[in-house]
Amino acid sequence: MKDKRLFQLGQRIRYKRLERGYSQEDLEEKSMVSVRTISEIERGNTDIRYTNLLQIAEALGMTASELLDFKL
């Protein structure tokens, strides 16, 4: 069974990516995280590495803390 928190984080990343008009390929280019990894993260199928979280957050113009703050 998927971890609900990982799924929520993945959905938040997907939402923020789409909000900015980025495809997964665009996010890959900006974050240097592979499309395959981004896809797995967005579906909640893998635990996100801290370095990937930082790179994705920066590419989305956010901090890791903002990405992880589900109260926003």
C-alpha atoms as a PDB file:
ATOM      1  CA  MET A   1       0.000   0.000   0.000  1.00  0.00           C
ATOM      2  CA  LYS A   2       1.207   3.488  -0.866  1.00  0.00           C
ATOM      3  CA  ASP A   3       2.176   5.871   1.903  1.00  0.00           C
ATOM      4  CA  LYS A   4      -0.506   8.563   2.005  1.00  0.00           C
ATOM      5  CA  ARG A   5       2.045  11.268   2.780  1.00  0.00           C
ATOM      6  CA  LEU A   6       4.170  10.383  -0.249  1.00  0.00           C
ATOM      7  CA  PHE A   7       1.068  10.408  -2.430  1.00  0.00           C
ATOM      8  CA  GLN A   8       0.043  13.837  -1.073  1.00  0.00           C
ATOM      9  CA  LEU A   9       3.510  15.241  -1.688  1.00  0.00           C
ATOM     10  CA  GLY A  10       3.535  13.835  -5.204  1.00  0.00           C
ATOM     11  CA  GLN A  11       0.145  15.356  -5.925  1.00  0.00           C
ATOM     12  CA  ARG A  12       1.326  18.710  -4.573  1.00  0.00           C
ATOM     13  CA  ILE A  13       4.397  18.621  -6.816  1.00  0.00           C
ATOM     14  CA  ARG A  14       2.194  17.713  -9.800  1.00  0.00           C
ATOM     15  CA  TYR A  15      -0.242  20.534  -8.972  1.00  0.00           C
ATOM     16  CA  LYS A  16       2.549  23.105  -8.647  1.00  0.00           C
ATOM     17  CA  ARG A  17       4.183  21.849 -11.864  1.00  0.00           C
ATOM     18  CA  LEU A  18       0.932  22.178 -13.813  1.00  0.00           C
ATOM     19  CA  GLU A  19       0.146  25.519 -12.166  1.00  0.00           C
ATOM     20  CA  ARG A  20       3.366  26.835 -13.699  1.00  0.00           C
ATOM     21  CA  GLY A  21       2.584  25.269 -17.075  1.00  0.00           C
ATOM     22  CA  TYR A  22       5.487  22.816 -16.925  1.00  0.00           C
ATOM     23  CA  SER A  23       5.476  19.371 -18.452  1.00  0.00           C
ATOM     24  CA  GLN A  24       7.413  16.646 -16.683  1.00  0.00           C
ATOM     25  CA  GLU A  25      10.105  17.182 -19.325  1.00  0.00           C
ATOM     26  CA  ASP A  26      10.265  20.894 -18.476  1.00  0.00           C
ATOM     27  CA  LEU A  27      10.633  20.065 -14.796  1.00  0.00           C
ATOM     28  CA  GLU A  28      13.337  17.531 -15.616  1.00  0.00           C
ATOM     29  CA  GLU A  29      15.294  20.196 -17.497  1.00  0.00           C
ATOM     30  CA  LYS A  30      14.939  22.749 -14.701  1.00  0.00           C
ATOM     31  CA  SER A  31      15.541  20.391 -11.772  1.00  0.00           C
ATOM     32  CA  MET A  32      17.939  17.832 -13.261  1.00  0.00           C
ATOM     33  CA  VAL A  33      15.655  15.079 -11.866  1.00  0.00           C
ATOM     34  CA  SER A  34      14.695  12.486 -14.480  1.00  0.00           C
ATOM     35  CA  VAL A  35      11.177  12.313 -15.903  1.00  0.00           C
ATOM     36  CA  ARG A  36      10.936   8.736 -14.669  1.00  0.00           C
ATOM     37  CA  THR A  37      11.731   9.835 -11.107  1.00  0.00           C
ATOM     38  CA  ILE A  38       9.344  12.792 -11.315  1.00  0.00           C
ATOM     39  CA  SER A  39       6.607  10.479 -12.545  1.00  0.00           C
ATOM     40  CA  GLU A  40       7.220   8.001  -9.715  1.00  0.00           C
ATOM     41  CA  ILE A  41       7.235  10.810  -7.148  1.00  0.00           C
ATOM     42  CA  GLU A  42       4.028  12.353  -8.478  1.00  0.00           C
ATOM     43  CA  ARG A  43       2.258   8.989  -8.285  1.00  0.00           C
ATOM     44  CA  GLY A  44       3.550   8.401  -4.752  1.00  0.00           C
ATOM     45  CA  ASN A  45       5.346   5.247  -5.852  1.00  0.00           C
ATOM     46  CA  THR A  46       8.746   6.134  -4.450  1.00  0.00           C
ATOM     47  CA  ASP A  47      10.239   7.882  -1.473  1.00  0.00           C
ATOM     48  CA  ILE A  48      11.684  11.224  -2.547  1.00  0.00           C
ATOM     49  CA  ARG A  49      15.366  11.801  -1.911  1.00  0.00           C
ATOM     50  CA  TYR A  50      16.182  15.005  -0.065  1.00  0.00           C
ATOM     51  CA  THR A  51      18.375  16.275  -2.889  1.00  0.00           C
ATOM     52  CA  ASN A  52      15.591  15.651  -5.411  1.00  0.00           C
ATOM     53  CA  LEU A  53      13.131  17.489  -3.175  1.00  0.00           C
ATOM     54  CA  LEU A  54      15.460  20.495  -3.041  1.00  0.00           C
ATOM     55  CA  GLN A  55      16.040  20.482  -6.799  1.00  0.00           C
ATOM     56  CA  ILE A  56      12.333  20.147  -7.627  1.00  0.00           C
ATOM     57  CA  ALA A  57      11.358  22.854  -5.141  1.00  0.00           C
ATOM     58  CA  GLU A  58      13.942  25.245  -6.576  1.00  0.00           C
ATOM     59  CA  ALA A  59      12.795  24.495 -10.136  1.00  0.00           C
ATOM     60  CA  LEU A  60       9.233  25.321  -9.070  1.00  0.00           C
ATOM     61  CA  GLY A  61      10.361  28.587  -7.465  1.00  0.00           C
ATOM     62  CA  MET A  62       9.642  27.309  -3.974  1.00  0.00           C
ATOM     63  CA  THR A  63      11.499  26.133  -0.919  1.00  0.00           C
ATOM     64  CA  ALA A  64      11.335  22.538   0.259  1.00  0.00           C
ATOM     65  CA  SER A  65       9.512  23.814   3.346  1.00  0.00           C
ATOM     66  CA  GLU A  66       6.816  25.391   1.191  1.00  0.00           C
ATOM     67  CA  LEU A  67       6.369  22.155  -0.737  1.00  0.00           C
ATOM     68  CA  LEU A  68       6.005  20.229   2.484  1.00  0.00           C
ATOM     69  CA  ASP A  69       3.619  22.721   4.130  1.00  0.00           C
ATOM     70  CA  PHE A  70       0.188  21.267   3.378  1.00  0.00           C
ATOM     71  CA  LYS A  71      -1.552  24.010   5.362  1.00  0.00           C
ATOM     72  CA  LEU A  72      -0.930  26.545   2.582  1.00  0.00           C
END
